[in-house]
Protein backbone atom coordinates (compact mmCIF):
# COMPACT_ATOMS: atom_id res chain seq x y z
CA MET A 1 -24.48 -37.38 16.05
CA ILE A 2 -23.15 -36.10 12.76
CA ALA A 3 -19.83 -37.74 12.06
CA THR A 4 -18.91 -36.25 8.72
CA THR A 5 -18.55 -32.74 10.08
CA THR A 6 -15.39 -33.70 11.92
CA THR A 7 -13.71 -34.20 8.54
CA LEU A 8 -14.30 -30.58 7.51
CA LEU A 9 -11.43 -29.30 9.61
CA THR A 10 -8.75 -31.52 11.19
CA ASN A 11 -6.93 -29.67 13.95
CA SER A 12 -4.08 -31.28 15.78
CA THR A 13 -0.50 -30.48 16.71
CA THR A 14 0.84 -33.15 14.33
CA VAL A 15 -1.04 -31.74 11.36
CA ALA A 16 -0.02 -28.18 12.25
CA ASN A 17 3.68 -29.04 12.44
CA LYS A 18 3.47 -31.00 9.17
CA GLU A 19 1.80 -28.10 7.38
CA GLN A 20 4.41 -25.72 8.77
CA ALA A 21 7.21 -27.83 7.24
CA GLN A 22 5.38 -28.01 3.91
CA ASN A 23 4.99 -24.22 3.83
CA ILE A 24 8.73 -23.47 4.07
CA PRO A 25 9.51 -23.91 0.32
CA ALA A 26 6.50 -21.77 -0.64
CA THR A 27 7.59 -19.07 1.79
CA ILE A 28 11.13 -19.04 0.37
CA LEU A 29 9.72 -18.83 -3.17
CA TYR A 30 7.57 -15.82 -2.22
CA CYS A 31 10.60 -14.10 -0.67
CA ILE A 32 12.67 -14.64 -3.81
CA GLY A 33 9.83 -13.31 -5.95
CA GLY A 34 9.50 -10.22 -3.79
CA PHE A 35 13.26 -9.64 -3.98
CA ILE A 36 13.24 -9.79 -7.78
CA MET A 37 10.26 -7.43 -7.94
CA GLY A 38 12.19 -4.99 -5.74
CA LEU A 39 15.13 -5.09 -8.16
CA GLY A 40 12.79 -4.19 -10.98
CA TYR A 41 11.10 -1.39 -9.05
CA ALA A 42 14.31 0.39 -8.02
CA PRO A 43 15.31 1.73 -11.48
CA PHE A 44 11.69 2.62 -12.23
CA TYR A 45 11.46 4.90 -9.22
CA CYS A 46 14.96 6.33 -9.24
CA LEU A 47 15.61 6.79 -12.95
CA SER A 48 12.29 7.15 -14.76
CA LEU A 49 11.11 10.09 -12.65
CA VAL A 50 14.40 11.92 -13.16
CA TYR A 51 14.21 11.06 -16.87
CA ILE A 52 10.85 12.84 -17.00
CA ASP A 53 12.12 15.84 -15.04
CA ASN A 54 15.12 16.23 -17.35
CA ASN A 55 12.97 16.25 -20.47
CA VAL A 56 10.08 18.57 -19.66
CA GLU A 57 10.08 22.05 -21.16
CA ASP A 58 8.73 23.72 -18.02
CA VAL A 59 10.09 22.78 -14.60
CA HIS A 60 6.58 23.18 -13.16
CA ASP A 61 5.28 20.47 -15.51
CA THR A 62 7.31 17.81 -13.70
CA ALA A 63 4.63 17.31 -11.06
CA LYS A 64 1.98 16.83 -13.75
CA TYR A 65 3.87 14.15 -15.64
CA VAL A 66 5.08 12.45 -12.49
CA SER A 67 1.49 12.36 -11.24
CA ILE A 68 0.43 10.53 -14.41
CA VAL A 69 3.13 7.91 -13.89
CA MET A 70 2.36 7.48 -10.18
CA ALA A 71 -1.40 7.39 -10.84
CA CYS A 72 -0.85 4.54 -13.30
CA TYR A 73 1.36 2.87 -10.72
CA THR A 74 -1.49 3.17 -8.20
CA VAL A 75 -4.04 1.78 -10.65
CA GLY A 76 -2.05 -1.46 -10.87
CA PRO A 77 -3.05 -2.77 -7.41
CA ILE A 78 -6.64 -1.68 -8.11
CA VAL A 79 -6.76 -3.83 -11.23
CA GLY A 80 -5.09 -6.58 -9.23
CA PHE A 81 -7.72 -6.43 -6.49
CA GLY A 82 -10.52 -6.39 -9.06
CA ALA A 83 -9.11 -9.36 -10.92
CA GLY A 84 -8.33 -11.05 -7.61
CA ALA A 85 -11.96 -10.71 -6.58
CA ALA A 86 -12.95 -12.62 -9.72
CA PHE A 87 -10.27 -15.28 -9.21
CA LEU A 88 -11.19 -15.75 -5.56
CA LYS A 89 -14.69 -16.77 -6.60
CA LEU A 90 -13.09 -19.87 -8.11
CA TYR A 91 -12.00 -22.69 -5.81
CA VAL A 92 -8.25 -23.02 -5.37
CA THR A 93 -8.08 -26.31 -7.34
CA LEU A 94 -10.44 -24.97 -10.06
CA GLY A 95 -12.44 -28.17 -9.50
CA GLU A 96 -15.84 -28.94 -8.03
CA THR A 97 -16.34 -28.65 -4.27
CA TYR A 98 -19.22 -28.80 -1.80
CA LEU A 99 -17.91 -25.63 -0.12
CA THR A 100 -19.30 -22.21 -0.93
CA GLU A 101 -17.56 -18.84 -0.86
CA ALA A 102 -19.28 -18.02 2.44
CA ASP A 103 -17.67 -21.02 4.18
CA SER A 104 -14.73 -20.33 6.46
CA GLN A 105 -12.81 -23.21 4.78
CA TRP A 106 -13.09 -21.65 1.30
CA ILE A 107 -9.79 -20.86 -0.43
CA GLY A 108 -9.98 -18.98 -3.71
CA ALA A 109 -7.77 -19.50 -6.77
CA TYR A 110 -5.33 -16.76 -5.77
CA TRP A 111 -2.54 -18.20 -7.91
CA VAL A 112 -4.25 -17.57 -11.28
CA GLY A 113 -3.40 -13.86 -11.12
CA TYR A 114 0.34 -14.55 -11.08
CA PHE A 115 0.15 -16.26 -14.47
CA VAL A 116 -2.13 -13.66 -16.02
CA PHE A 117 -0.16 -10.57 -14.97
CA ALA A 118 3.22 -12.20 -15.57
CA GLY A 119 2.26 -12.31 -19.24
CA PHE A 120 1.56 -8.56 -19.25
CA LEU A 121 4.88 -7.82 -17.52
CA ILE A 122 6.85 -9.80 -20.09
CA THR A 123 5.10 -7.92 -22.91
CA PHE A 124 6.01 -4.49 -21.51
CA VAL A 125 9.60 -5.54 -20.85
CA PHE A 126 10.18 -5.68 -24.61
CA LEU A 127 8.63 -2.22 -25.04
CA LEU A 128 10.92 -0.77 -22.35
CA CYS A 129 13.94 -2.24 -24.14
CA MET A 130 13.21 0.09 -27.07
CA TYR A 131 14.10 3.17 -25.03
CA PRO A 132 17.49 4.81 -25.67
CA LYS A 133 20.49 3.13 -24.13
CA LYS A 134 21.56 6.38 -22.47
CA LEU A 135 19.37 9.07 -20.98
CA PRO A 136 19.54 12.37 -22.89
CA GLU A 137 21.83 14.83 -21.20
CA THR A 138 20.09 18.05 -20.23
CA PRO A 139 22.06 21.33 -20.40
CA LYS A 140 19.60 23.24 -18.19
CA LEU A 141 21.92 24.09 -15.34
CA ASN A 142 24.82 25.04 -17.60
CA THR A 143 22.53 27.25 -19.65
CA ALA A 144 21.19 28.92 -16.51
CA LYS A 145 24.67 29.52 -15.23
CA GLU A 146 25.74 31.16 -18.49
CA ASP A 147 22.55 33.24 -18.38
CA ILE A 148 23.45 34.52 -14.93
CA LYS A 149 26.93 35.43 -16.17
CA LEU A 150 25.62 37.42 -19.11
CA GLU A 151 23.31 39.49 -16.90
CA ASP A 152 26.14 41.68 -15.59
CA ASN A 153 28.74 40.80 -18.24
CA CYS A 154 31.56 40.96 -15.77
CA LYS A 155 33.83 38.71 -13.76
CA SER A 156 31.96 39.36 -10.52
CA ALA A 157 28.80 37.93 -12.07
CA SER A 158 30.68 34.77 -12.96
CA GLU A 159 31.99 34.49 -9.41
CA LYS A 160 28.47 35.07 -8.12
CA ALA A 161 27.18 32.25 -10.31
CA ASP A 162 29.91 29.88 -9.11
CA LYS A 163 29.13 30.75 -5.48
CA LEU A 164 25.44 30.27 -6.07
CA ALA A 165 26.07 26.88 -7.63
CA GLU A 166 28.17 25.87 -4.64
CA GLU A 167 25.60 27.05 -2.08
CA THR A 168 22.79 25.27 -3.84
CA GLU A 169 24.83 22.08 -4.08
CA VAL A 170 25.05 22.03 -7.86
CA ALA A 171 28.79 22.10 -8.44
CA ILE A 172 29.77 18.55 -7.50
CA PRO A 173 28.64 15.69 -9.75
CA ALA A 174 26.61 12.85 -8.23
CA ALA A 175 28.26 9.73 -6.93
CA ARG A 176 30.57 8.73 -9.77
CA ASN A 177 33.15 7.20 -7.43
CA ILE A 178 33.57 6.42 -3.75
CA THR A 179 34.57 9.97 -2.90
CA GLY A 180 31.67 11.36 -4.86
CA LEU A 181 29.35 8.91 -3.11
CA PHE A 182 30.25 10.18 0.34
CA LYS A 183 30.12 13.79 -0.79
CA SER A 184 26.68 13.20 -2.26
CA LEU A 185 25.53 11.51 0.96
CA GLY A 186 26.91 14.42 2.94
CA ARG A 187 24.97 16.92 0.85
CA LEU A 188 21.73 14.96 1.14
CA PHE A 189 21.93 14.29 4.87
CA THR A 190 22.72 17.92 5.62
CA ASN A 191 19.78 19.06 3.51
CA PRO A 192 17.02 19.76 6.08
CA LEU A 193 14.13 19.93 3.61
CA TYR A 194 15.12 16.70 1.92
CA LEU A 195 15.51 14.92 5.27
CA LEU A 196 12.11 16.04 6.59
CA VAL A 197 10.22 15.13 3.41
CA MET A 198 12.07 11.81 3.16
CA LEU A 199 11.18 10.90 6.78
CA ALA A 200 7.58 11.98 6.13
CA ASN A 201 7.52 9.62 3.17
CA CYS A 202 8.78 6.80 5.41
CA THR A 203 6.06 7.29 8.02
CA ALA A 204 3.45 7.61 5.25
CA GLY A 205 4.59 4.17 4.13
CA TYR A 206 2.89 2.72 7.21
CA TYR A 207 -0.40 4.12 5.94
CA THR A 208 0.11 2.71 2.45
CA SER A 209 1.69 -0.62 3.28
CA GLY A 210 -0.09 -1.20 6.60
CA TRP A 211 -3.52 0.38 6.74
CA THR A 212 -4.28 0.23 3.01
CA GLY A 213 -2.73 -3.22 2.62
CA PHE A 214 -4.87 -4.72 5.38
CA LEU A 215 -8.07 -2.86 4.47
CA PRO A 216 -9.60 -5.80 2.53
CA LYS A 217 -8.94 -8.06 5.52
CA TYR A 218 -10.60 -5.47 7.76
CA PHE A 219 -13.77 -5.56 5.65
CA GLU A 220 -13.69 -9.35 5.60
CA THR A 221 -13.18 -9.66 9.36
CA VAL A 222 -15.02 -6.78 11.01
CA PHE A 223 -17.86 -6.45 8.48
CA ASN A 224 -18.05 -10.18 7.55
CA PHE A 225 -17.58 -9.55 3.81
CA SER A 226 -16.63 -12.43 1.51
CA SER A 227 -13.06 -12.42 0.17
CA SER A 228 -14.15 -11.23 -3.26
CA ASP A 229 -16.42 -8.45 -1.92
CA ALA A 230 -13.70 -7.33 0.51
CA SER A 231 -11.27 -7.06 -2.42
CA ILE A 232 -13.70 -4.72 -4.20
CA TYR A 233 -14.89 -2.52 -1.32
CA GLY A 234 -11.61 -2.43 0.60
CA GLY A 235 -8.99 -3.11 -2.02
CA ALA A 236 -10.24 -1.55 -5.26
CA LEU A 237 -12.70 1.32 -4.78
CA PRO A 238 -10.83 3.48 -2.19
CA PRO A 239 -7.44 3.21 -3.98
CA LEU A 240 -9.18 4.02 -7.28
CA PHE A 241 -10.14 7.46 -5.97
CA GLY A 242 -6.66 7.74 -4.48
CA ALA A 243 -5.18 7.18 -7.95
CA VAL A 244 -7.37 9.94 -9.40
CA ALA A 245 -6.23 12.24 -6.59
CA VAL A 246 -2.58 11.50 -7.42
CA PHE A 247 -3.11 12.98 -10.86
CA VAL A 248 -5.24 15.88 -9.56
CA GLY A 249 -2.56 16.87 -7.04
CA GLY A 250 0.15 16.95 -9.68
CA PHE A 251 -2.07 18.80 -12.13
CA LEU A 252 -2.96 21.52 -9.61
CA THR A 253 0.64 22.17 -8.59
CA SER A 254 1.64 22.35 -12.27
CA LYS A 255 -1.24 24.55 -13.37
CA TYR A 256 -0.76 27.12 -10.64
CA LYS A 257 3.06 26.84 -10.71
CA LEU A 258 3.32 26.55 -6.94
CA SER A 259 6.60 27.54 -5.38
CA LEU A 260 8.65 25.08 -3.35
CA GLN A 261 7.26 26.37 -0.04
CA LYS A 262 3.67 26.27 -1.31
CA ASN A 263 4.25 22.68 -2.40
CA VAL A 264 5.26 21.83 1.17
CA ILE A 265 2.14 23.58 2.52
CA PHE A 266 0.02 21.57 0.07
CA LEU A 267 1.73 18.41 1.34
CA THR A 268 1.00 19.30 4.98
CA VAL A 269 -2.67 20.12 4.40
CA GLY A 270 -3.27 16.97 2.35
CA THR A 271 -1.68 14.77 5.01
CA GLY A 272 -3.68 16.43 7.79
CA LEU A 273 -6.97 15.94 5.94
CA GLY A 274 -6.08 12.28 5.40
CA ALA A 275 -5.89 11.84 9.18
CA VAL A 276 -9.09 13.81 9.84
CA PHE A 277 -11.16 11.60 7.54
CA LEU A 278 -9.97 8.51 9.43
CA ILE A 279 -11.30 9.63 12.83
CA PRO A 280 -15.01 8.84 12.14
CA THR A 281 -14.13 5.21 11.36
CA HIS A 282 -13.61 4.65 15.08
CA PHE A 283 -17.37 4.78 15.55
CA LEU A 284 -18.25 2.50 12.61
CA THR A 285 -18.83 -1.16 13.39
CA CYS A 286 -21.41 -3.92 13.02
CA GLU A 287 -22.70 -6.19 15.75
CA GLN A 288 -20.40 -9.14 16.35
CA PHE A 289 -21.76 -12.60 17.14
CA SER A 290 -18.87 -14.27 18.96
CA SER A 291 -18.69 -18.05 18.95
CA GLN A 292 -20.06 -19.90 21.96
CA LEU A 293 -18.02 -22.90 23.08
CA SER A 294 -20.89 -25.11 24.23
CA PRO A 295 -24.50 -24.38 25.20
CA ALA A 296 -25.58 -25.70 28.58
CA ASN A 297 -28.53 -27.70 27.29
CA THR A 298 -26.47 -30.17 25.21
CA SER A 299 -24.57 -31.87 28.02
CA SER A 300 -27.01 -34.77 27.99
CA CYS A 301 -26.30 -35.72 24.37
CA VAL A 302 -22.81 -34.44 23.61
CA ASP A 303 -19.73 -36.32 24.73
CA PRO A 304 -16.89 -33.75 24.95
CA CYS A 305 -14.38 -36.50 24.23
CA LYS A 306 -15.90 -37.10 20.81
CA CYS A 307 -15.71 -33.44 19.77
CA ASP A 308 -12.47 -31.86 18.63
CA ALA A 309 -12.09 -28.86 20.91
CA ASP A 310 -10.07 -27.06 18.21
CA MET A 311 -12.61 -27.57 15.43
CA TYR A 312 -13.98 -24.31 14.02
CA VAL A 313 -16.90 -24.79 11.65
CA PRO A 314 -19.16 -21.89 12.74
CA LEU A 315 -22.92 -22.15 12.42
CA CYS A 316 -25.69 -19.73 13.28
CA TYR A 317 -29.01 -20.03 15.09
CA ASP A 318 -31.21 -17.32 16.61
CA GLY A 319 -28.52 -14.64 16.54
CA GLN A 320 -25.91 -16.86 18.21
CA THR A 321 -22.82 -18.22 16.47
CA TYR A 322 -21.69 -21.66 17.65
CA LYS A 323 -18.18 -22.97 17.18
CA SER A 324 -18.94 -26.32 15.53
CA PRO A 325 -21.85 -28.70 14.74
CA CYS A 326 -20.44 -31.28 17.13
CA ILE A 327 -20.72 -29.24 20.31
CA VAL A 328 -24.38 -28.44 19.66
CA GLY A 329 -25.25 -32.08 18.99
CA CYS A 330 -26.32 -31.85 15.35
CA ASP A 331 -27.04 -35.28 13.84
CA GLY A 332 -27.27 -34.51 10.11
CA TYR A 333 -27.00 -31.87 7.41
CA THR A 334 -28.49 -30.94 4.08
CA THR A 335 -27.59 -28.46 1.33
CA ILE A 336 -30.11 -25.81 0.29
CA ASP A 337 -29.16 -23.22 -2.36
CA ASP A 338 -25.47 -24.10 -2.01
CA LYS A 339 -25.69 -23.44 1.74
CA ILE A 340 -25.16 -26.16 4.36
CA HIS A 341 -27.97 -26.52 6.94
CA TYR A 342 -27.28 -28.68 10.01
CA THR A 343 -30.28 -30.55 11.37
CA GLY A 344 -31.34 -32.15 14.64
CA CYS A 345 -29.23 -29.76 16.70
CA LEU A 346 -29.48 -29.08 20.46
CA CYS A 347 -30.05 -32.73 21.39
CA GLY A 348 -32.67 -33.70 18.84
CA GLN A 349 -34.88 -30.64 19.30
CA ASN A 350 -35.39 -30.59 15.52
CA ILE A 351 -33.54 -27.27 15.31
CA THR A 352 -31.77 -26.38 12.06
CA MET A 353 -28.65 -24.24 12.12
CA VAL A 354 -27.09 -22.48 9.11
CA ASP A 355 -23.42 -22.81 8.27
CA GLY A 356 -21.41 -19.63 8.83
CA ILE A 357 -21.18 -16.73 11.28
CA CYS A 358 -24.39 -14.90 12.16
CA GLN A 359 -24.83 -11.67 10.23
CA PRO A 360 -26.65 -8.53 11.44
CA GLU A 361 -29.92 -7.86 9.64
CA THR A 362 -28.91 -4.37 8.52
CA CYS A 363 -25.59 -2.58 8.89
CA ASN A 364 -24.59 0.48 6.88
CA ALA A 365 -21.28 0.93 8.71
CA PRO A 366 -19.08 -0.72 6.02
CA TYR A 367 -20.34 1.63 3.30
CA ILE A 368 -19.82 4.73 5.43
CA TYR A 369 -16.38 3.36 6.32
CA MET A 370 -15.62 2.99 2.62
CA VAL A 371 -16.57 6.64 1.99
CA CYS A 372 -14.24 7.78 4.81
CA ALA A 373 -11.47 5.59 3.36
CA ILE A 374 -12.02 7.12 -0.10
CA PHE A 375 -11.68 10.69 1.21
CA SER A 376 -8.65 9.75 3.31
CA MET A 377 -6.86 8.05 0.42
CA ALA A 378 -7.75 10.89 -1.94
CA SER A 379 -6.28 13.45 0.47
CA LEU A 380 -3.04 11.56 0.92
CA GLY A 381 -2.96 10.46 -2.72
CA SER A 382 -2.93 14.08 -3.87
CA CYS A 383 0.39 14.47 -2.02
CA VAL A 384 2.29 11.67 -3.79
CA SER A 385 3.57 13.55 -6.84
CA VAL A 386 3.93 16.73 -4.77
CA GLY A 387 6.33 14.99 -2.37
CA ILE A 388 8.43 13.65 -5.25
CA ASN A 389 8.49 17.08 -6.85
CA ILE A 390 9.70 18.67 -3.59
CA ILE A 391 12.59 16.22 -3.38
CA MET A 392 13.68 16.89 -6.97
CA ARG A 393 13.39 20.66 -6.44
CA SER A 394 15.36 20.66 -3.19
CA VAL A 395 18.51 18.84 -4.34
CA SER A 396 21.08 19.45 -7.05
CA GLU A 397 20.57 18.23 -10.60
CA ASP A 398 23.27 15.58 -10.20
CA ASP A 399 21.84 14.30 -6.92
CA LYS A 400 18.26 13.71 -8.07
CA SER A 401 18.52 10.01 -8.92
CA PHE A 402 20.62 9.34 -5.84
CA ALA A 403 18.21 11.27 -3.61
CA LEU A 404 15.22 9.29 -4.89
CA GLY A 405 17.17 6.06 -4.49
CA ILE A 406 18.08 6.86 -0.88
CA GLN A 407 14.46 7.75 -0.14
CA SER A 408 13.18 4.55 -1.74
CA SER A 409 15.71 2.42 0.15
CA LEU A 410 14.99 4.00 3.54
CA ALA A 411 11.23 3.88 2.94
CA SER A 412 11.50 0.15 2.23
CA LEU A 413 13.79 -0.44 5.20
CA LEU A 414 11.88 1.68 7.71
CA ALA A 415 8.29 1.35 6.47
CA TRP A 416 7.42 -0.99 3.61
CA ILE A 417 9.13 -4.00 5.20
CA PRO A 418 8.31 -3.53 8.92
CA ALA A 419 4.80 -2.04 8.45
CA PRO A 420 3.06 -5.27 7.34
CA ILE A 421 4.88 -7.19 10.08
CA LEU A 422 3.87 -4.63 12.73
CA TYR A 423 0.26 -4.44 11.54
CA GLY A 424 0.07 -8.22 11.32
CA THR A 425 1.37 -8.59 14.87
CA ILE A 426 -1.12 -6.02 16.17
CA ILE A 427 -4.00 -7.71 14.36
CA ASP A 428 -2.95 -11.17 15.62
CA SER A 429 -3.01 -9.83 19.18
CA THR A 430 -6.78 -9.36 18.81
CA CYS A 431 -7.43 -13.01 17.86
CA ASN A 432 -10.14 -14.91 19.74
CA ILE A 433 -9.89 -18.40 18.18
CA TRP A 434 -6.76 -19.81 16.53
CA GLU A 435 -6.73 -22.66 14.00
CA PHE A 436 -4.28 -24.72 16.08
CA PRO A 437 -4.30 -23.18 19.58
CA GLY A 438 -2.21 -25.95 21.12
CA ALA A 439 0.47 -26.12 18.45
CA LYS A 440 3.73 -24.24 18.09
CA ASP A 441 2.44 -22.87 14.81
CA ARG A 442 -1.03 -21.60 15.71
CA GLY A 443 -2.08 -21.39 12.07
CA TYR A 444 -4.39 -18.58 11.04
CA CYS A 445 -6.92 -16.75 13.18
CA MET A 446 -10.46 -18.06 12.82
CA GLU A 447 -12.18 -15.28 14.76
CA TYR A 448 -11.18 -11.86 16.13
CA PHE A 449 -12.37 -9.54 18.87
CA ASN A 450 -13.70 -6.96 16.42
CA THR A 451 -13.81 -4.00 18.81
CA GLU A 452 -10.19 -4.48 19.83
CA TYR A 453 -9.19 -5.11 16.21
CA LYS A 454 -10.87 -1.88 15.07
CA THR A 455 -9.31 0.23 17.83
CA LYS A 456 -5.73 -0.97 17.43
CA TYR A 457 -5.91 -0.88 13.63
CA LEU A 458 -7.17 2.70 13.57
CA TRP A 459 -4.98 4.30 16.22
CA MET A 460 -1.83 2.70 14.86
CA THR A 461 -2.65 4.35 11.54
CA LEU A 462 -3.61 7.71 13.03
CA GLY A 463 -0.36 7.78 14.99
CA THR A 464 1.82 7.32 11.91
CA VAL A 465 -0.19 9.80 9.80
CA ALA A 466 0.03 12.37 12.63
CA VAL A 467 3.83 11.99 12.67
CA THR A 468 3.85 12.42 8.88
CA CYS A 469 1.83 15.63 9.20
CA LEU A 470 4.17 17.01 11.88
CA LEU A 471 7.23 16.32 9.72
CA CYS A 472 5.59 18.08 6.77
CA ALA A 473 4.69 21.04 8.99
CA ALA A 474 8.30 21.25 10.16
CA ALA A 475 9.38 21.34 6.51
CA ILE A 476 7.41 24.55 5.85
CA PRO A 477 9.88 26.93 7.56
CA ALA A 478 12.78 24.84 6.24
CA SER A 479 11.57 25.35 2.65
CA GLY A 480 11.82 29.12 3.16
CA MET A 481 15.57 29.00 3.70
CA LYS A 482 17.67 31.22 1.46
CA LYS A 483 19.48 28.40 -0.34
CA TYR A 484 16.23 26.84 -1.53
CA LYS A 485 14.97 30.16 -2.86
CA GLU A 486 18.25 30.66 -4.73
CA LEU A 487 18.09 27.11 -6.07
CA GLU A 488 14.52 27.70 -7.20
CA LYS A 489 15.59 30.91 -8.93
CA LEU A 490 18.40 29.07 -10.67
CA GLN A 491 16.00 26.38 -11.89
CA GLU A 492 13.56 29.04 -13.13
CA LYS A 493 16.37 30.71 -15.14
CA ALA A 494 17.38 27.32 -16.52
CA ASN A 495 13.79 26.70 -17.52
CA ALA A 496 13.52 30.08 -19.24
CA ALA A 497 16.78 29.51 -21.12
CA GLU A 498 15.67 26.05 -22.22
CA GLU A 499 12.34 27.36 -23.54
CA SER A 500 14.04 30.14 -25.52
CA LYS A 501 16.57 27.77 -27.10
CA PRO A 502 15.57 27.04 -30.74
CA GLU A 503 15.50 23.49 -32.04
CA GLU A 504 18.30 22.71 -34.44
CA ASN A 505 16.97 22.16 -37.98
CA GLY A 506 13.53 21.70 -36.50
CA LYS A 507 14.44 18.25 -35.18
CA LEU A 508 15.23 16.84 -31.77
CA GLU A 509 18.36 14.79 -31.29
CA VAL A 510 17.62 11.22 -30.22
CA SER A 511 20.11 8.96 -28.50
CA PRO A 512 20.97 5.70 -30.26
CA ALA A 513 18.58 2.93 -29.30
CA LEU A 514 19.58 -0.45 -28.06
């Protein structure tokens, strides 16, 4: 009987509880890091996009420039997944090990990426500090208002302009004090188009944070990809096309100068197509070789008391995956081409079993799945800058930053935070073999029921995307309301006035830098 295999994975309640206690400081550190990253992201989303909108010559160009920023923001995780795939090929200690990447006990050097990308972040912090201390003030709305007054050159025109400003929620400055804060909140939460698009953004967060976030794990679990390959096929390639689509969506809406209502229609169609492309993935799967606890013909040579029932070191023979070398009576092992081969299995029948889960001979499902994921992400990605543009076009000039901040906060609270927890809980419910099944902390899942995993993972995503599509569809008639058309007209006049305004002395005024 092979004795050394029992040292590959020690599973007991004592070890599980000890590891749980050791993980608490690391968990707290990750939470603090995530909190600090959130603080850094808030001004980027709320202020930088408004900064761009306030400084473009044509109001229709906002979507184009915003799409460039958001596309670059999307490329970040793609680069991270690509670099992570390379780092995960290294062992976690960066030292020598007998394990290979295909082994279930392999842990890649995930931590290297934090040091590498932290250096890049620090570099760009200094570049951001060179921006002006104050954002340039844009006279667009005041210019437009004066333009409206001059059209009729009478007092009634001035009154009409003041009424129009009031109806389109332009007259009151954004939250400069407590009273202004509540007034601004009142305007936003009684703005039907803003509310519908904001809620659609929240439900879309389940797609981005849940389905997209767990896609590499899906490839690794259901299609038996290695961690590095799963990072490429599930974490890098589909989002790469999504990033391109972010720019394409913004470019198209800018080029054709789509009205507010047409932007909402674009948003609805893109979301619907994103759901449609997900439906075929329900039928894409590879054969699963579930682990067998103990074959009947080893009872004569295997003493159950000498085998750890919780040990999970899968090995394959004749299309059947077995849970551990001990339960099949292997008495030795050898390494061939960095792959462990267990010998003398099934009670000395001179049968050799290969370390790892059995793989199907041919399975094209993961590559078709990747194509469906690419089209789905591209469809929804094309809506990113469009959704932001709708929000900035449907609220007053003074409320833009606040509106984006409220949307970002609610999206985090209602989607980005609970989505990974919900998806993780759903995925855990499909687990077949836990690392520590008898302990309070069960550890991580060693093997899943792939069919159940696939079904729950897909229909959870389809449900949230369908809700997103319905909210966008409801926003179409809302965007045709009179006040939005008047606001759009006002913004168009402001844009025309800004374009006709000559530059003073041929130079642009720049705010003092820090």
